[in-house]
PDB file of N, CA and C in Angstrom:
ATOM      1  N   MET A   1       0.744  -1.100  -0.001  1.00  0.00           N
ATOM      2  CA  MET A   1       0.048   0.085   0.034  1.00  0.00           C
ATOM      3  C   MET A   1       0.721   1.245   0.118  1.00  0.00           C
ATOM      4  N   ASN A   2       0.656   2.204  -0.976  1.00  0.00           N
ATOM      5  CA  ASN A   2       1.266   3.238  -1.039  1.00  0.00           C
ATOM      6  C   ASN A   2       0.381   4.425  -0.358  1.00  0.00           C
ATOM      7  N   TRP A   3       0.924   4.788   0.982  1.00  0.00           N
ATOM      8  CA  TRP A   3       0.334   6.063   1.527  1.00  0.00           C
ATOM      9  C   TRP A   3       0.005   7.370   0.852  1.00  0.00           C
ATOM     10  N   LYS A   4       1.462   7.480   0.065  1.00  0.00           N
ATOM     11  CA  LYS A   4       1.652   8.779  -0.544  1.00  0.00           C
ATOM     12  C   LYS A   4       0.427   8.980  -1.584  1.00  0.00           C
ATOM     13  N   ARG A   5       0.138   7.744  -2.498  1.00  0.00           N
ATOM     14  CA  ARG A   5      -1.006   7.780  -3.600  1.00  0.00           C
ATOM     15  C   ARG A   5      -2.356   7.965  -2.806  1.00  0.00           C
ATOM     16  N   VAL A   6      -2.536   7.508  -1.688  1.00  0.00           N
ATOM     17  CA  VAL A   6      -3.508   7.306  -0.956  1.00  0.00           C
ATOM     18  C   VAL A   6      -3.990   8.989  -0.553  1.00  0.00           C
ATOM     19  N   LYS A   7      -2.824   9.469   0.325  1.00  0.00           N
ATOM     20  CA  LYS A   7      -3.021  10.848   0.586  1.00  0.00           C
ATOM     21  C   LYS A   7      -3.404  11.801  -0.721  1.00  0.00           C
ATOM     22  N   GLN A   8      -2.743  11.613  -2.065  1.00  0.00           N
ATOM     23  CA  GLN A   8      -2.851  12.261  -3.086  1.00  0.00           C
ATOM     24  C   GLN A   8      -4.408  12.201  -3.265  1.00  0.00           C
ATOM     25  N   LYS A   9      -4.924  10.887  -3.280  1.00  0.00           N
ATOM     26  CA  LYS A   9      -6.468  10.730  -3.813  1.00  0.00           C
ATOM     27  C   LYS A   9      -7.299  11.393  -2.757  1.00  0.00           C
ATOM     28  N   TRP A  10      -6.896  11.312  -1.455  1.00  0.00           N
ATOM     29  CA  TRP A  10      -7.730  12.050  -0.698  1.00  0.00           C
ATOM     30  C   TRP A  10      -7.637  13.577  -0.749  1.00  0.00           C
ATOM     31  N   ASN A  11      -6.481  14.160  -1.012  1.00  0.00           N
ATOM     32  CA  ASN A  11      -6.485  15.499  -1.349  1.00  0.00           C
ATOM     33  C   ASN A  11      -7.202  15.860  -2.658  1.00  0.00           C
ATOM     34  N   LEU A  12      -7.387  15.070  -3.702  1.00  0.00           N
ATOM     35  CA  LEU A  12      -8.096  15.236  -4.928  1.00  0.00           C
ATOM     36  C   LEU A  12      -9.467  15.220  -4.433  1.00  0.00           C
ATOM     37  N   ALA A  13     -10.108  14.430  -3.597  1.00  0.00           N
ATOM     38  CA  ALA A  13     -11.558  14.386  -3.187  1.00  0.00           C
ATOM     39  C   ALA A  13     -11.857  15.573  -2.467  1.00  0.00           C
ATOM     40  N   LYS A  14     -10.903  16.060  -1.540  1.00  0.00           N
ATOM     41  CA  LYS A  14     -11.326  17.367  -1.018  1.00  0.00           C
ATOM     42  C   LYS A  14     -11.483  18.547  -1.973  1.00  0.00           C
ATOM     43  N   ILE A  15     -10.286  18.604  -2.926  1.00  0.00           N
ATOM     44  CA  ILE A  15     -10.252  19.753  -3.892  1.00  0.00           C
ATOM     45  C   ILE A  15     -11.836  19.679  -4.755  1.00  0.00           C
ATOM     46  N   LEU A  16     -12.033  18.522  -4.981  1.00  0.00           N
ATOM     47  CA  LEU A  16     -13.282  18.341  -5.863  1.00  0.00           C
ATOM     48  C   LEU A  16     -14.544  18.824  -5.124  1.00  0.00           C
ATOM     49  N   CYS A  17     -14.795  18.386  -3.950  1.00  0.00           N
ATOM     50  CA  CYS A  17     -15.782  18.552  -3.099  1.00  0.00           C
ATOM     51  C   CYS A  17     -15.822  20.192  -2.859  1.00  0.00           C
ATOM     52  N   LEU A  18     -14.758  20.566  -2.380  1.00  0.00           N
ATOM     53  CA  LEU A  18     -14.913  21.939  -1.911  1.00  0.00           C
ATOM     54  C   LEU A  18     -14.839  22.849  -2.943  1.00  0.00           C
ATOM     55  N   GLY A  19     -14.344  22.307  -4.308  1.00  0.00           N
ATOM     56  CA  GLY A  19     -14.579  23.211  -5.643  1.00  0.00           C
ATOM     57  C   GLY A  19     -16.109  23.129  -5.884  1.00  0.00           C
ATOM     58  N   GLY A  20     -16.856  22.093  -5.708  1.00  0.00           N
ATOM     59  CA  GLY A  20     -18.105  22.106  -6.150  1.00  0.00           C
ATOM     60  C   GLY A  20     -18.925  23.042  -5.177  1.00  0.00           C
ATOM     61  N   THR A  21     -18.570  22.880  -3.860  1.00  0.00           N
ATOM     62  CA  THR A  21     -19.408  23.820  -3.117  1.00  0.00           C
ATOM     63  C   THR A  21     -19.079  25.046  -3.241  1.00  0.00           C
ATOM     64  N   SER A  22     -17.749  25.560  -3.457  1.00  0.00           N
ATOM     65  CA  SER A  22     -17.679  26.994  -4.066  1.00  0.00           C
ATOM     66  C   SER A  22     -18.414  27.623  -5.119  1.00  0.00           C
ATOM     67  N   PHE A  23     -18.291  26.228  -6.129  1.00  0.00           N
ATOM     68  CA  PHE A  23     -19.125  26.892  -7.264  1.00  0.00           C
ATOM     69  C   PHE A  23     -20.443  26.992  -7.110  1.00  0.00           C
ATOM     70  N   LEU A  24     -20.899  26.171  -6.127  1.00  0.00           N
ATOM     71  CA  LEU A  24     -22.547  26.292  -5.759  1.00  0.00           C
ATOM     72  C   LEU A  24     -22.913  27.767  -5.175  1.00  0.00           C
ATOM     73  N   ILE A  25     -22.029  27.946  -4.441  1.00  0.00           N
ATOM     74  CA  ILE A  25     -22.249  29.383  -3.532  1.00  0.00           C
ATOM     75  C   ILE A  25     -22.160  30.620  -4.726  1.00  0.00           C
ATOM     76  N   VAL A  26     -21.061  30.718  -5.553  1.00  0.00           N
ATOM     77  CA  VAL A  26     -20.856  31.536  -6.417  1.00  0.00           C
ATOM     78  C   VAL A  26     -22.316  31.533  -7.456  1.00  0.00           C
ATOM     79  N   GLU A  27     -22.495  30.254  -7.921  1.00  0.00           N
ATOM     80  CA  GLU A  27     -23.711  30.161  -8.804  1.00  0.00           C
ATOM     81  C   GLU A  27     -24.871  30.755  -8.121  1.00  0.00           C
ATOM     82  N   THR A  28     -25.307  30.290  -6.883  1.00  0.00           N
ATOM     83  CA  THR A  28     -26.379  30.755  -6.193  1.00  0.00           C
ATOM     84  C   THR A  28     -26.664  32.147  -6.058  1.00  0.00           C
ATOM     85  N   THR A  29     -25.320  32.560  -5.616  1.00  0.00           N
ATOM     86  CA  THR A  29     -25.465  34.135  -5.505  1.00  0.00           C
ATOM     87  C   THR A  29     -25.697  34.847  -6.805  1.00  0.00           C
ATOM     88  N   TYR A  30     -25.009  34.449  -7.759  1.00  0.00           N
ATOM     89  CA  TYR A  30     -25.227  35.040  -9.173  1.00  0.00           C
ATOM     90  C   TYR A  30     -26.778  35.031  -9.678  1.00  0.00           C
ATOM     91  N   PHE A  31     -27.150  33.907  -9.625  1.00  0.00           N
ATOM     92  CA  PHE A  31     -28.748  33.781 -10.133  1.00  0.00           C
ATOM     93  C   PHE A  31     -29.623  34.394  -9.213  1.00  0.00           C
ATOM     94  N   SER A  32     -29.227  34.158  -7.952  1.00  0.00           N
ATOM     95  CA  SER A  32     -30.175  35.069  -7.101  1.00  0.00           C
ATOM     96  C   SER A  32     -30.422  36.608  -7.205  1.00  0.00           C
ATOM     97  N   ILE A  33     -29.165  37.185  -7.605  1.00  0.00           N
ATOM     98  CA  ILE A  33     -29.000  38.501  -7.931  1.00  0.00           C
ATOM     99  C   ILE A  33     -29.789  38.878  -9.263  1.00  0.00           C
ATOM    100  N   ALA A  34     -29.145  38.034 -10.234  1.00  0.00           N
ATOM    101  CA  ALA A  34     -29.606  38.197 -11.540  1.00  0.00           C
ATOM    102  C   ALA A  34     -31.140  38.009 -11.816  1.00  0.00           C
ATOM    103  N   TYR A  35     -31.918  37.080 -11.293  1.00  0.00           N
ATOM    104  CA  TYR A  35     -33.157  36.973 -11.059  1.00  0.00           C
ATOM    105  C   TYR A  35     -34.148  37.631 -10.041  1.00  0.00           C
ATOM    106  N   GLY A  36     -33.554  38.360  -9.398  1.00  0.00           N
ATOM    107  CA  GLY A  36     -34.237  39.130  -8.266  1.00  0.00           C
ATOM    108  C   GLY A  36     -34.771  38.006  -7.406  1.00  0.00           C
ATOM    109  N   TRP A  37     -33.955  36.948  -6.838  1.00  0.00           N
ATOM    110  CA  TRP A  37     -34.579  36.010  -6.005  1.00  0.00           C
ATOM    111  C   TRP A  37     -35.884  35.065  -6.396  1.00  0.00           C
ATOM    112  N   HIS A  38     -35.857  34.967  -7.804  1.00  0.00           N
ATOM    113  CA  HIS A  38     -36.907  34.490  -8.436  1.00  0.00           C
ATOM    114  C   HIS A  38     -36.413  32.695  -8.614  1.00  0.00           C
ATOM    115  N   TRP A  39     -36.632  31.901  -7.700  1.00  0.00           N
ATOM    116  CA  TRP A  39     -35.876  30.808  -7.830  1.00  0.00           C
ATOM    117  C   TRP A  39     -36.615  29.773  -9.218  1.00  0.00           C
ATOM    118  N   LYS A  40     -37.645  30.141  -9.671  1.00  0.00           N
ATOM    119  CA  LYS A  40     -38.256  29.491 -10.540  1.00  0.00           C
ATOM    120  C   LYS A  40     -37.798  29.964 -11.871  1.00  0.00           C
ATOM    121  N   ALA A  41     -36.954  30.871 -12.314  1.00  0.00           N
ATOM    122  CA  ALA A  41     -36.214  31.270 -13.382  1.00  0.00           C
ATOM    123  C   ALA A  41     -35.179  30.553 -13.582  1.00  0.00           C
ATOM    124  N   ILE A  42     -35.413  29.271 -14.120  1.00  0.00           N
ATOM    125  CA  ILE A  42     -34.406  28.450 -14.480  1.00  0.00           C
ATOM    126  C   ILE A  42     -34.031  28.481 -15.987  1.00  0.00           C
ATOM    127  N   ASN A  43     -32.882  28.717 -16.289  1.00  0.00           N
ATOM    128  CA  ASN A  43     -32.523  28.754 -17.808  1.00  0.00           C
ATOM    129  C   ASN A  43     -31.398  27.691 -18.102  1.00  0.00           C
ATOM    130  N   GLU A  44     -31.069  27.613 -19.249  1.00  0.00           N
ATOM    131  CA  GLU A  44     -29.695  26.796 -19.776  1.00  0.00           C
ATOM    132  C   GLU A  44     -28.637  26.848 -19.183  1.00  0.00           C
ATOM    133  N   ALA A  45     -28.162  28.185 -18.752  1.00  0.00           N
ATOM    134  CA  ALA A  45     -27.032  28.454 -18.194  1.00  0.00           C
ATOM    135  C   ALA A  45     -27.082  27.860 -16.692  1.00  0.00           C
ATOM    136  N   GLU A  46     -28.094  28.279 -15.893  1.00  0.00           N
ATOM    137  CA  GLU A  46     -28.181  27.626 -14.559  1.00  0.00           C
ATOM    138  C   GLU A  46     -28.380  26.140 -14.532  1.00  0.00           C
ATOM    139  N   LYS A  47     -28.723  25.436 -15.483  1.00  0.00           N
ATOM    140  CA  LYS A  47     -28.914  24.042 -15.641  1.00  0.00           C
ATOM    141  C   LYS A  47     -27.249  23.487 -15.909  1.00  0.00           C
ATOM    142  N   MET A  48     -26.585  24.178 -16.635  1.00  0.00           N
ATOM    143  CA  MET A  48     -25.300  23.869 -16.846  1.00  0.00           C
ATOM    144  C   MET A  48     -24.412  23.957 -15.607  1.00  0.00           C
ATOM    145  N   CYS A  49     -24.739  25.027 -14.923  1.00  0.00           N
ATOM    146  CA  CYS A  49     -23.889  25.199 -13.576  1.00  0.00           C
ATOM    147  C   CYS A  49     -24.057  24.155 -12.550  1.00  0.00           C
ATOM    148  N   ASP A  50     -25.423  23.591 -12.529  1.00  0.00           N
ATOM    149  CA  ASP A  50     -25.882  22.987 -11.736  1.00  0.00           C
ATOM    150  C   ASP A  50     -25.158  21.376 -11.954  1.00  0.00           C
ATOM    151  N   ASN A  51     -25.153  21.235 -13.330  1.00  0.00           N
ATOM    152  CA  ASN A  51     -24.262  19.955 -13.860  1.00  0.00           C
ATOM    153  C   ASN A  51     -22.923  19.921 -13.433  1.00  0.00           C
ATOM    154  N   ILE A  52     -22.171  21.122 -13.451  1.00  0.00           N
ATOM    155  CA  ILE A  52     -20.593  21.418 -13.048  1.00  0.00           C
ATOM    156  C   ILE A  52     -20.618  20.964 -11.777  1.00  0.00           C
ATOM    157  N   VAL A  53     -21.535  21.367 -10.806  1.00  0.00           N
ATOM    158  CA  VAL A  53     -21.681  21.217  -9.475  1.00  0.00           C
ATOM    159  C   VAL A  53     -21.555  19.843  -9.138  1.00  0.00           C
ATOM    160  N   GLY A  54     -22.497  19.274  -9.715  1.00  0.00           N
ATOM    161  CA  GLY A  54     -22.840  17.644  -9.632  1.00  0.00           C
ATOM    162  C   GLY A  54     -21.373  16.975  -9.976  1.00  0.00           C
ATOM    163  N   TYR A  55     -20.926  17.323 -11.168  1.00  0.00           N
ATOM    164  CA  TYR A  55     -19.685  16.488 -11.525  1.00  0.00           C
ATOM    165  C   TYR A  55     -18.494  16.924 -10.572  1.00  0.00           C
ATOM    166  N   PHE A  56     -18.346  17.915  -9.818  1.00  0.00           N
ATOM    167  CA  PHE A  56     -17.368  18.047  -8.972  1.00  0.00           C
ATOM    168  C   PHE A  56     -17.717  17.112  -7.661  1.00  0.00           C
ATOM    169  N   TRP A  57     -18.907  17.454  -7.259  1.00  0.00           N
ATOM    170  CA  TRP A  57     -19.326  16.476  -6.050  1.00  0.00           C
ATOM    171  C   TRP A  57     -19.380  14.973  -6.254  1.00  0.00           C
ATOM    172  N   THR A  58     -19.921  14.638  -7.470  1.00  0.00           N
ATOM    173  CA  THR A  58     -19.649  13.175  -7.809  1.00  0.00           C
ATOM    174  C   THR A  58     -18.284  12.517  -7.815  1.00  0.00           C
ATOM    175  N   GLY A  59     -17.181  13.423  -8.566  1.00  0.00           N
ATOM    176  CA  GLY A  59     -16.025  13.112  -8.403  1.00  0.00           C
ATOM    177  C   GLY A  59     -15.159  12.990  -7.088  1.00  0.00           C
ATOM    178  N   GLY A  60     -15.581  13.876  -6.294  1.00  0.00           N
ATOM    179  CA  GLY A  60     -15.053  13.981  -4.823  1.00  0.00           C
ATOM    180  C   GLY A  60     -15.581  12.764  -4.172  1.00  0.00           C
ATOM    181  N   LEU A  61     -17.002  12.223  -4.323  1.00  0.00           N
ATOM    182  CA  LEU A  61     -17.554  11.160  -3.750  1.00  0.00           C
ATOM    183  C   LEU A  61     -16.691   9.918  -4.118  1.00  0.00           C
ATOM    184  N   ILE A  62     -16.430   9.786  -5.482  1.00  0.00           N
ATOM    185  CA  ILE A  62     -15.560   8.543  -5.990  1.00  0.00           C
ATOM    186  C   ILE A  62     -14.435   8.372  -5.567  1.00  0.00           C
ATOM    187  N   PHE A  63     -13.664   9.384  -5.495  1.00  0.00           N
ATOM    188  CA  PHE A  63     -12.286   9.490  -4.853  1.00  0.00           C
ATOM    189  C   PHE A  63     -12.257   9.345  -3.370  1.00  0.00           C
ATOM    190  N   THR A  64     -13.247   9.918  -2.870  1.00  0.00           N
ATOM    191  CA  THR A  64     -13.452   9.291  -1.327  1.00  0.00           C
ATOM    192  C   THR A  64     -13.542   7.826  -1.073  1.00  0.00           C
ATOM    193  N   GLY A  65     -14.510   7.231  -1.966  1.00  0.00           N
ATOM    194  CA  GLY A  65     -14.843   5.724  -1.825  1.00  0.00           C
ATOM    195  C   GLY A  65     -13.283   5.081  -2.019  1.00  0.00           C
ATOM    196  N   ILE A  66     -12.532   5.515  -3.153  1.00  0.00           N
ATOM    197  CA  ILE A  66     -11.576   4.957  -3.566  1.00  0.00           C
ATOM    198  C   ILE A  66     -10.512   4.848  -2.445  1.00  0.00           C
ATOM    199  N   VAL A  67     -10.497   6.026  -1.717  1.00  0.00           N
ATOM    200  CA  VAL A  67      -9.458   6.246  -0.597  1.00  0.00           C
ATOM    201  C   VAL A  67     -10.015   5.295   0.426  1.00  0.00           C
ATOM    202  N   MET A  68     -11.227   5.150   0.615  1.00  0.00           N
ATOM    203  CA  MET A  68     -11.432   4.317   1.733  1.00  0.00           C
ATOM    204  C   MET A  68     -11.473   2.762   1.471  1.00  0.00           C
ATOM    205  N   ILE A  69     -11.595   2.395   0.122  1.00  0.00           N
ATOM    206  CA  ILE A  69     -11.296   1.149  -0.073  1.00  0.00           C
ATOM    207  C   ILE A  69      -9.733   0.777   0.148  1.00  0.00           C
ATOM    208  N   ASP A  70      -8.913   1.770  -0.485  1.00  0.00           N
ATOM    209  CA  ASP A  70      -7.654   1.739  -0.130  1.00  0.00           C
ATOM    210  C   ASP A  70      -7.235   1.345   1.542  1.00  0.00           C
ATOM    211  N   ILE A  71      -7.754   2.211   2.253  1.00  0.00           N
ATOM    212  CA  ILE A  71      -7.528   2.106   3.784  1.00  0.00           C
ATOM    213  C   ILE A  71      -7.888   0.718   4.142  1.00  0.00           C
ATOM    214  N   ILE A  72      -9.097   0.289   3.725  1.00  0.00           N
ATOM    215  CA  ILE A  72      -9.723  -1.082   4.191  1.00  0.00           C
ATOM    216  C   ILE A  72      -8.831  -2.176   3.771  1.00  0.00           C
ATOM    217  N   GLU A  73      -8.304  -2.177   2.576  1.00  0.00           N
ATOM    218  CA  GLU A  73      -7.255  -3.169   1.931  1.00  0.00           C
ATOM    219  C   GLU A  73      -6.140  -3.256   2.905  1.00  0.00           C
ATOM    220  N   TYR A  74      -5.682  -1.898   3.236  1.00  0.00           N
ATOM    221  CA  TYR A  74      -4.350  -1.729   4.112  1.00  0.00           C
ATOM    222  C   TYR A  74      -4.688  -2.464   5.462  1.00  0.00           C
ATOM    223  N   LEU A  75      -5.849  -2.118   6.147  1.00  0.00           N
ATOM    224  CA  LEU A  75      -6.046  -2.704   7.263  1.00  0.00           C
ATOM    225  C   LEU A  75      -6.127  -4.381   7.330  1.00  0.00           C
ATOM    226  N   LEU A  76      -6.824  -4.764   6.270  1.00  0.00           N
ATOM    227  CA  LEU A  76      -6.889  -6.367   6.289  1.00  0.00           C
ATOM    228  C   LEU A  76      -5.687  -6.867   5.648  1.00  0.00           C
ATOM    229  N   SER A  77      -4.802  -6.253   5.307  1.00  0.00           N
ATOM    230  CA  SER A  77      -3.362  -6.765   4.662  1.00  0.00           C
ATOM    231  C   SER A  77      -2.558  -7.150   5.768  1.00  0.00           C
ATOM    232  N   ASP A  78      -1.504  -7.758   5.521  1.00  0.00           N
ATOM    233  CA  ASP A  78      -0.537  -8.130   6.579  1.00  0.00           C
ATOM    234  C   ASP A  78      -0.018  -6.995   7.324  1.00  0.00           C
ATOM    235  N   SER A  79       0.198  -5.992   6.506  1.00  0.00           N
ATOM    236  CA  SER A  79       0.960  -4.869   7.014  1.00  0.00           C
ATOM    237  C   SER A  79       0.200  -3.949   8.017  1.00  0.00           C
ATOM    238  N   GLY A  80      -1.108  -4.090   7.791  1.00  0.00           N
ATOM    239  CA  GLY A  80      -2.044  -3.221   8.629  1.00  0.00           C
ATOM    240  C   GLY A  80      -2.278  -3.985   9.859  1.00  0.00           C
ATOM    241  N   ARG A  81      -1.713  -5.234  10.121  1.00  0.00           N
ATOM    242  CA  ARG A  81      -2.023  -5.859  11.376  1.00  0.00           C
ATOM    243  C   ARG A  81      -0.873  -5.870  12.232  1.00  0.00           C
ATOM    244  N   SER A  82       0.376  -5.303  11.833  1.00  0.00           N
ATOM    245  CA  SER A  82       1.461  -5.342  12.632  1.00  0.00           C
ATOM    246  C   SER A  82       1.784  -3.884  13.587  1.00  0.00           C
TER     247      SER A  82
END
């Protein structure tokens, strides 16, 4: 088990999730101001922004899952028992 690789995957997961959250905050603020707080005014640009946020969060969750699997494999291996 290469812990350096696990740490890199974990950092990538954090960056993706934080990036998605930051994008959501900017997107929500922009569309709130642009449409005068009318949440039902959805257009193609907003749908695209929502997709981008979803891709960031999905990527972060996938990498988090990969890190969890790596950690479980390590704990179940001989090196994790010593």
